[in-house]
């Protein structure tokens, strides 16, 4: 399955680095420029992290970006189940990462794009795959032709 055909989640760091156009990680901003080609789900945990880490102006920019997309991003306000979060914590995840992983599993999302190289790295046989922003861009370009 192609990144263009599946629902994906962009981790908090992708949104922050992309909105801030962090020069060391240009792929994040480039990925946000291609949102119109993707089917993105924005789970509650990532929304909460964005609200906690972005300035008011950045939050406004984020929602302007989201509202300008031809296909709307799916915002999921449901809390992840505590049992699922606990499962990922037992596997070694910090609470925030465990909540993100739980959302992915519960929403049956098969792809997480993240710049957190350590995110679930030690856990084998996850129900989803992880890509960096650069890898996600490469998949988009590969399947665009």
N, C-alpha and C. Protein backbone atom coordinates (compact mmCIF):
# COMPACT_ATOMS: atom_id res chain seq x y z
N UNK A 1 0.84 -1.19 0.00
CA UNK A 1 0.00 0.00 0.00
C UNK A 1 0.88 1.24 0.00
N UNK A 2 0.46 2.25 -0.69
CA UNK A 2 1.23 3.50 -0.83
C UNK A 2 0.82 4.51 0.24
N UNK A 3 1.75 5.35 0.61
CA UNK A 3 1.48 6.43 1.56
C UNK A 3 0.33 7.32 1.06
N UNK A 4 0.13 7.35 -0.26
CA UNK A 4 -0.94 8.17 -0.83
C UNK A 4 -2.31 7.51 -0.70
N UNK A 5 -2.33 6.23 -0.36
CA UNK A 5 -3.59 5.48 -0.28
C UNK A 5 -4.01 5.14 1.14
N UNK A 6 -3.19 5.44 2.13
CA UNK A 6 -3.51 5.03 3.48
C UNK A 6 -3.65 6.22 4.42
N UNK A 7 -4.38 6.00 5.49
CA UNK A 7 -4.49 7.03 6.52
C UNK A 7 -3.19 7.03 7.31
N UNK A 8 -2.69 8.22 7.61
CA UNK A 8 -1.42 8.34 8.32
C UNK A 8 -1.57 9.32 9.48
N UNK A 9 -0.64 9.23 10.42
CA UNK A 9 -0.54 10.20 11.51
C UNK A 9 0.82 10.86 11.41
N UNK A 10 0.82 12.19 11.52
CA UNK A 10 2.06 12.95 11.61
C UNK A 10 2.30 13.23 13.09
N UNK A 11 3.46 12.84 13.58
CA UNK A 11 3.80 13.05 14.97
C UNK A 11 3.91 14.55 15.27
N UNK A 12 3.82 14.89 16.53
CA UNK A 12 3.87 16.29 16.96
C UNK A 12 5.08 17.01 16.39
N UNK A 13 6.24 16.35 16.39
CA UNK A 13 7.46 17.02 15.94
C UNK A 13 7.40 17.38 14.45
N UNK A 14 6.69 16.62 13.65
CA UNK A 14 6.56 16.95 12.22
C UNK A 14 5.80 18.27 12.09
N UNK A 15 4.69 18.38 12.81
CA UNK A 15 3.89 19.62 12.75
C UNK A 15 4.71 20.82 13.24
N UNK A 16 5.37 20.66 14.38
CA UNK A 16 6.12 21.79 14.96
C UNK A 16 7.28 22.18 14.05
N UNK A 17 8.11 21.22 13.66
CA UNK A 17 9.26 21.55 12.81
C UNK A 17 8.80 22.12 11.47
N UNK A 18 7.71 21.58 10.94
CA UNK A 18 7.19 22.06 9.66
C UNK A 18 6.63 23.46 9.74
N UNK A 19 5.82 23.72 10.75
CA UNK A 19 5.24 25.06 10.92
C UNK A 19 6.31 26.10 11.18
N UNK A 20 7.33 25.72 11.91
CA UNK A 20 8.43 26.64 12.24
C UNK A 20 9.50 26.67 11.16
N UNK A 21 9.35 25.80 10.17
CA UNK A 21 10.32 25.71 9.07
C UNK A 21 11.76 25.61 9.61
N UNK A 22 11.97 24.65 10.48
CA UNK A 22 13.28 24.42 11.09
C UNK A 22 14.28 24.11 9.97
N UNK A 23 15.32 24.93 9.83
CA UNK A 23 16.25 24.78 8.70
C UNK A 23 16.96 23.43 8.64
N UNK A 24 17.24 22.82 9.79
CA UNK A 24 17.95 21.54 9.80
C UNK A 24 17.09 20.38 9.33
N UNK A 25 15.76 20.58 9.30
CA UNK A 25 14.84 19.50 8.93
C UNK A 25 13.82 20.04 7.92
N UNK A 26 14.27 20.42 6.73
CA UNK A 26 13.34 21.00 5.75
C UNK A 26 12.25 20.04 5.29
N UNK A 27 12.48 18.74 5.44
CA UNK A 27 11.49 17.76 4.97
C UNK A 27 10.16 17.90 5.71
N UNK A 28 10.19 18.39 6.94
CA UNK A 28 8.93 18.55 7.69
C UNK A 28 8.04 19.61 7.03
N UNK A 29 8.61 20.76 6.69
CA UNK A 29 7.83 21.81 6.01
C UNK A 29 7.40 21.33 4.63
N UNK A 30 8.28 20.62 3.94
CA UNK A 30 7.92 20.09 2.61
C UNK A 30 6.78 19.09 2.71
N UNK A 31 6.75 18.32 3.78
CA UNK A 31 5.66 17.36 3.98
C UNK A 31 4.35 18.10 4.23
N UNK A 32 4.38 19.15 5.03
CA UNK A 32 3.16 19.93 5.27
C UNK A 32 2.65 20.57 3.98
N UNK A 33 3.56 20.90 3.07
CA UNK A 33 3.15 21.47 1.78
C UNK A 33 2.44 20.44 0.90
N UNK A 34 2.58 19.16 1.24
CA UNK A 34 1.96 18.09 0.46
C UNK A 34 0.76 17.46 1.18
N UNK A 35 0.28 18.11 2.22
CA UNK A 35 -0.86 17.56 2.97
C UNK A 35 -2.07 17.30 2.09
N UNK A 36 -2.24 18.12 1.07
CA UNK A 36 -3.41 17.96 0.19
C UNK A 36 -3.42 16.60 -0.52
N UNK A 37 -2.28 15.92 -0.54
CA UNK A 37 -2.19 14.61 -1.21
C UNK A 37 -2.32 13.45 -0.24
N UNK A 38 -2.44 13.76 1.05
CA UNK A 38 -2.40 12.72 2.08
C UNK A 38 -3.72 12.64 2.84
N UNK A 39 -3.96 11.49 3.42
CA UNK A 39 -5.14 11.28 4.27
C UNK A 39 -4.63 11.22 5.72
N UNK A 40 -4.65 12.37 6.38
CA UNK A 40 -4.04 12.50 7.70
C UNK A 40 -5.10 12.45 8.79
N UNK A 41 -4.77 11.71 9.83
CA UNK A 41 -5.59 11.67 11.04
C UNK A 41 -4.80 12.38 12.14
N UNK A 42 -5.47 13.25 12.84
CA UNK A 42 -4.85 14.01 13.92
C UNK A 42 -5.49 13.57 15.24
N UNK A 43 -4.83 12.67 15.99
CA UNK A 43 -5.41 12.17 17.23
C UNK A 43 -5.29 13.16 18.39
N UNK A 44 -6.13 12.95 19.37
CA UNK A 44 -6.23 13.81 20.54
C UNK A 44 -4.87 14.08 21.18
N UNK A 45 -4.06 13.05 21.40
CA UNK A 45 -2.77 13.23 22.07
C UNK A 45 -1.89 14.23 21.33
N UNK A 46 -1.86 14.14 20.01
CA UNK A 46 -1.01 15.05 19.23
C UNK A 46 -1.60 16.46 19.26
N UNK A 47 -2.92 16.58 19.20
CA UNK A 47 -3.54 17.90 19.33
C UNK A 47 -3.18 18.55 20.66
N UNK A 48 -3.23 17.78 21.73
CA UNK A 48 -2.89 18.31 23.05
C UNK A 48 -1.42 18.74 23.10
N UNK A 49 -0.55 17.93 22.52
CA UNK A 49 0.87 18.27 22.51
C UNK A 49 1.11 19.53 21.68
N UNK A 50 0.41 19.67 20.57
CA UNK A 50 0.55 20.87 19.74
C UNK A 50 0.08 22.10 20.49
N UNK A 51 -1.05 22.00 21.15
CA UNK A 51 -1.57 23.15 21.90
C UNK A 51 -0.62 23.54 23.03
N UNK A 52 0.06 22.56 23.62
CA UNK A 52 0.99 22.83 24.72
C UNK A 52 2.31 23.42 24.24
N UNK A 53 2.68 23.14 22.97
CA UNK A 53 4.02 23.52 22.49
C UNK A 53 4.05 24.62 21.44
N UNK A 54 2.92 24.94 20.85
CA UNK A 54 2.88 26.00 19.85
C UNK A 54 2.40 27.30 20.47
N UNK A 55 2.88 28.41 19.92
CA UNK A 55 2.38 29.72 20.35
C UNK A 55 0.96 29.91 19.81
N UNK A 56 0.28 30.92 20.29
CA UNK A 56 -1.08 31.20 19.78
C UNK A 56 -1.07 31.45 18.28
N UNK A 57 -0.07 32.20 17.82
CA UNK A 57 0.03 32.47 16.37
C UNK A 57 0.27 31.18 15.59
N UNK A 58 1.10 30.29 16.12
CA UNK A 58 1.37 29.02 15.44
C UNK A 58 0.13 28.14 15.41
N UNK A 59 -0.66 28.15 16.48
CA UNK A 59 -1.91 27.37 16.50
C UNK A 59 -2.86 27.91 15.44
N UNK A 60 -2.96 29.24 15.34
CA UNK A 60 -3.81 29.84 14.29
C UNK A 60 -3.32 29.45 12.90
N UNK A 61 -2.01 29.47 12.70
CA UNK A 61 -1.43 29.06 11.42
C UNK A 61 -1.77 27.60 11.13
N UNK A 62 -1.66 26.75 12.13
CA UNK A 62 -2.00 25.34 11.98
C UNK A 62 -3.45 25.18 11.52
N UNK A 63 -4.38 25.84 12.19
CA UNK A 63 -5.79 25.65 11.85
C UNK A 63 -6.14 26.31 10.51
N UNK A 64 -5.45 27.37 10.15
CA UNK A 64 -5.62 27.94 8.79
C UNK A 64 -5.16 26.93 7.75
N UNK A 65 -4.03 26.31 8.01
CA UNK A 65 -3.50 25.28 7.10
C UNK A 65 -4.50 24.14 6.96
N UNK A 66 -5.01 23.65 8.07
CA UNK A 66 -5.93 22.52 8.06
C UNK A 66 -7.24 22.87 7.36
N UNK A 67 -7.76 24.06 7.60
CA UNK A 67 -9.05 24.42 7.01
C UNK A 67 -8.94 24.72 5.52
N UNK A 68 -7.73 24.97 5.02
CA UNK A 68 -7.54 25.26 3.61
C UNK A 68 -7.34 24.03 2.75
N UNK A 69 -7.35 22.86 3.36
CA UNK A 69 -7.11 21.63 2.60
C UNK A 69 -8.38 21.16 1.89
N UNK A 70 -8.25 20.67 0.66
CA UNK A 70 -9.43 20.19 -0.06
C UNK A 70 -10.09 18.99 0.60
N UNK A 71 -9.29 18.05 1.08
CA UNK A 71 -9.87 16.94 1.84
C UNK A 71 -9.48 17.20 3.28
N UNK A 72 -10.46 17.27 4.10
CA UNK A 72 -10.23 17.64 5.49
C UNK A 72 -9.46 16.56 6.23
N UNK A 73 -8.61 17.01 7.11
CA UNK A 73 -7.90 16.10 8.00
C UNK A 73 -8.91 15.59 9.01
N UNK A 74 -8.82 14.33 9.35
CA UNK A 74 -9.71 13.75 10.34
C UNK A 74 -9.13 14.05 11.72
N UNK A 75 -9.88 14.79 12.52
CA UNK A 75 -9.47 15.07 13.89
C UNK A 75 -10.23 14.12 14.79
N UNK A 76 -9.48 13.34 15.57
CA UNK A 76 -10.10 12.36 16.45
C UNK A 76 -9.93 12.83 17.89
N UNK A 77 -11.04 13.21 18.51
CA UNK A 77 -11.01 13.74 19.88
C UNK A 77 -11.13 12.66 20.94
N UNK A 78 -11.33 11.42 20.52
CA UNK A 78 -11.48 10.32 21.48
C UNK A 78 -10.18 10.08 22.23
N UNK A 79 -10.31 9.75 23.50
CA UNK A 79 -9.13 9.37 24.28
C UNK A 79 -8.76 7.94 23.92
N UNK A 80 -7.47 7.67 23.91
CA UNK A 80 -7.03 6.29 23.73
C UNK A 80 -7.37 5.51 25.00
N UNK A 81 -7.65 4.24 24.83
CA UNK A 81 -8.00 3.39 25.98
C UNK A 81 -6.80 3.24 26.92
N UNK A 82 -7.05 3.34 28.20
CA UNK A 82 -5.99 3.25 29.20
C UNK A 82 -5.23 1.92 29.11
N UNK A 83 -5.96 0.84 28.79
CA UNK A 83 -5.29 -0.46 28.69
C UNK A 83 -4.28 -0.49 27.54
N UNK A 84 -4.64 0.17 26.44
CA UNK A 84 -3.74 0.19 25.28
C UNK A 84 -2.51 1.05 25.59
N UNK A 85 -2.74 2.18 26.23
CA UNK A 85 -1.62 3.05 26.63
C UNK A 85 -0.69 2.28 27.57
N UNK A 86 -1.28 1.60 28.55
CA UNK A 86 -0.49 0.84 29.53
C UNK A 86 0.34 -0.25 28.84
N UNK A 87 -0.23 -0.87 27.82
CA UNK A 87 0.50 -1.91 27.07
C UNK A 87 1.80 -1.33 26.49
N UNK A 88 1.71 -0.14 25.88
CA UNK A 88 2.91 0.46 25.30
C UNK A 88 3.87 0.98 26.36
N UNK A 89 3.34 1.40 27.50
CA UNK A 89 4.23 1.79 28.60
C UNK A 89 5.01 0.57 29.11
N UNK A 90 4.33 -0.57 29.21
CA UNK A 90 5.02 -1.79 29.64
C UNK A 90 6.13 -2.18 28.65
N UNK A 91 5.93 -1.82 27.38
CA UNK A 91 6.94 -2.13 26.36
C UNK A 91 8.10 -1.13 26.39
N UNK A 92 7.98 -0.08 27.23
CA UNK A 92 9.08 0.85 27.40
C UNK A 92 8.85 2.27 26.90
N UNK A 93 7.64 2.60 26.49
CA UNK A 93 7.36 3.94 25.98
C UNK A 93 7.09 4.93 27.11
N UNK A 94 7.50 6.19 26.88
CA UNK A 94 7.07 7.27 27.76
C UNK A 94 5.57 7.46 27.55
N UNK A 95 4.91 8.11 28.50
CA UNK A 95 3.46 8.25 28.47
C UNK A 95 2.94 8.87 27.17
N UNK A 96 3.53 9.98 26.73
CA UNK A 96 3.06 10.63 25.50
C UNK A 96 3.22 9.73 24.28
N UNK A 97 4.37 9.07 24.17
CA UNK A 97 4.59 8.16 23.05
C UNK A 97 3.65 6.96 23.12
N UNK A 98 3.40 6.49 24.34
CA UNK A 98 2.49 5.35 24.51
C UNK A 98 1.08 5.74 24.07
N UNK A 99 0.66 6.97 24.38
CA UNK A 99 -0.67 7.42 23.97
C UNK A 99 -0.77 7.54 22.46
N UNK A 100 0.28 8.05 21.82
CA UNK A 100 0.27 8.14 20.35
C UNK A 100 0.19 6.74 19.74
N UNK A 101 1.01 5.83 20.24
CA UNK A 101 1.00 4.46 19.72
C UNK A 101 -0.37 3.81 19.93
N UNK A 102 -0.99 4.08 21.08
CA UNK A 102 -2.32 3.53 21.36
C UNK A 102 -3.35 4.06 20.38
N UNK A 103 -3.27 5.36 20.09
CA UNK A 103 -4.19 5.95 19.10
C UNK A 103 -4.03 5.27 17.74
N UNK A 104 -2.81 5.09 17.32
CA UNK A 104 -2.56 4.45 16.03
C UNK A 104 -3.16 3.06 16.00
N UNK A 105 -2.91 2.28 17.03
CA UNK A 105 -3.44 0.92 17.08
C UNK A 105 -4.97 0.93 17.07
N UNK A 106 -5.57 1.74 17.93
CA UNK A 106 -7.03 1.75 18.05
C UNK A 106 -7.73 2.29 16.81
N UNK A 107 -7.09 3.22 16.11
CA UNK A 107 -7.68 3.79 14.90
C UNK A 107 -7.30 2.99 13.65
N UNK A 108 -6.53 1.91 13.85
CA UNK A 108 -6.08 1.06 12.75
C UNK A 108 -5.32 1.85 11.69
N UNK A 109 -4.44 2.73 12.16
CA UNK A 109 -3.59 3.53 11.28
C UNK A 109 -2.27 2.77 11.14
N UNK A 110 -1.83 2.60 9.92
CA UNK A 110 -0.67 1.75 9.65
C UNK A 110 0.63 2.52 9.42
N UNK A 111 0.59 3.86 9.55
CA UNK A 111 1.80 4.64 9.27
C UNK A 111 1.90 5.86 10.18
N UNK A 112 3.03 5.99 10.85
CA UNK A 112 3.37 7.16 11.66
C UNK A 112 4.59 7.81 11.04
N UNK A 113 4.50 9.12 10.79
CA UNK A 113 5.65 9.87 10.31
C UNK A 113 6.16 10.67 11.50
N UNK A 114 7.43 10.46 11.84
CA UNK A 114 8.00 11.08 13.04
C UNK A 114 9.49 11.34 12.84
N UNK A 115 9.95 12.40 13.45
CA UNK A 115 11.39 12.67 13.49
C UNK A 115 12.00 12.18 14.79
N UNK A 116 11.22 11.53 15.62
CA UNK A 116 11.71 10.95 16.86
C UNK A 116 12.30 9.58 16.53
N UNK A 117 13.59 9.53 16.36
CA UNK A 117 14.25 8.28 15.94
C UNK A 117 14.12 7.18 16.99
N UNK A 118 13.92 7.57 18.25
CA UNK A 118 13.84 6.58 19.32
C UNK A 118 12.42 6.08 19.54
N UNK A 119 11.43 6.68 18.86
CA UNK A 119 10.04 6.35 19.10
C UNK A 119 9.79 4.88 18.79
N UNK A 120 9.59 4.09 19.81
CA UNK A 120 9.26 2.67 19.69
C UNK A 120 10.31 1.87 18.92
N UNK A 121 11.51 2.38 18.85
CA UNK A 121 12.57 1.72 18.07
C UNK A 121 12.86 0.31 18.57
N UNK A 122 12.78 0.15 19.87
CA UNK A 122 13.14 -1.16 20.45
C UNK A 122 12.01 -2.18 20.39
N UNK A 123 10.82 -1.75 19.99
CA UNK A 123 9.67 -2.65 19.99
C UNK A 123 9.53 -3.29 18.61
N UNK A 124 9.48 -4.59 18.60
CA UNK A 124 9.36 -5.34 17.34
C UNK A 124 7.90 -5.63 17.04
N UNK A 125 7.60 -5.82 15.78
CA UNK A 125 6.26 -6.20 15.31
C UNK A 125 5.16 -5.24 15.76
N UNK A 126 5.39 -3.96 15.54
CA UNK A 126 4.36 -2.96 15.81
C UNK A 126 3.23 -3.11 14.80
N UNK A 127 2.02 -2.68 15.15
CA UNK A 127 0.91 -2.78 14.19
C UNK A 127 0.93 -1.64 13.16
N UNK A 128 1.99 -0.84 13.16
CA UNK A 128 2.15 0.24 12.19
C UNK A 128 3.63 0.42 11.89
N UNK A 129 3.91 1.07 10.76
CA UNK A 129 5.31 1.33 10.42
C UNK A 129 5.63 2.80 10.68
N UNK A 130 6.90 3.08 10.85
CA UNK A 130 7.38 4.44 11.11
C UNK A 130 8.25 4.90 9.95
N UNK A 131 8.06 6.15 9.56
CA UNK A 131 8.91 6.78 8.55
C UNK A 131 9.33 8.15 9.06
N UNK A 132 10.51 8.60 8.65
CA UNK A 132 10.91 9.98 8.89
C UNK A 132 10.22 10.85 7.83
N UNK A 133 10.28 12.16 8.00
CA UNK A 133 9.69 13.06 7.00
C UNK A 133 10.37 12.87 5.65
N UNK A 134 11.66 12.69 5.64
CA UNK A 134 12.40 12.47 4.39
C UNK A 134 11.95 11.18 3.71
N UNK A 135 11.79 10.12 4.49
CA UNK A 135 11.32 8.85 3.92
C UNK A 135 9.89 8.98 3.39
N UNK A 136 9.04 9.71 4.12
CA UNK A 136 7.66 9.91 3.67
C UNK A 136 7.63 10.69 2.36
N UNK A 137 8.45 11.73 2.25
CA UNK A 137 8.53 12.49 1.00
C UNK A 137 8.98 11.61 -0.15
N UNK A 138 9.95 10.76 0.10
CA UNK A 138 10.45 9.86 -0.94
C UNK A 138 9.33 8.92 -1.41
N UNK A 139 8.53 8.42 -0.48
CA UNK A 139 7.41 7.55 -0.86
C UNK A 139 6.36 8.32 -1.66
N UNK A 140 6.10 9.55 -1.26
CA UNK A 140 5.13 10.37 -2.00
C UNK A 140 5.60 10.56 -3.44
N UNK A 141 6.86 10.92 -3.60
CA UNK A 141 7.41 11.16 -4.93
C UNK A 141 7.46 9.87 -5.75
N UNK A 142 7.79 8.78 -5.11
CA UNK A 142 7.88 7.48 -5.79
C UNK A 142 6.52 7.07 -6.35
N UNK A 143 5.46 7.35 -5.61
CA UNK A 143 4.13 6.92 -6.03
C UNK A 143 3.37 8.00 -6.79
N UNK A 144 4.00 9.15 -6.95
CA UNK A 144 3.32 10.27 -7.64
C UNK A 144 3.33 10.09 -9.15
N UNK A 145 4.30 9.35 -9.64
CA UNK A 145 4.41 9.22 -11.09
C UNK A 145 3.55 8.10 -11.64
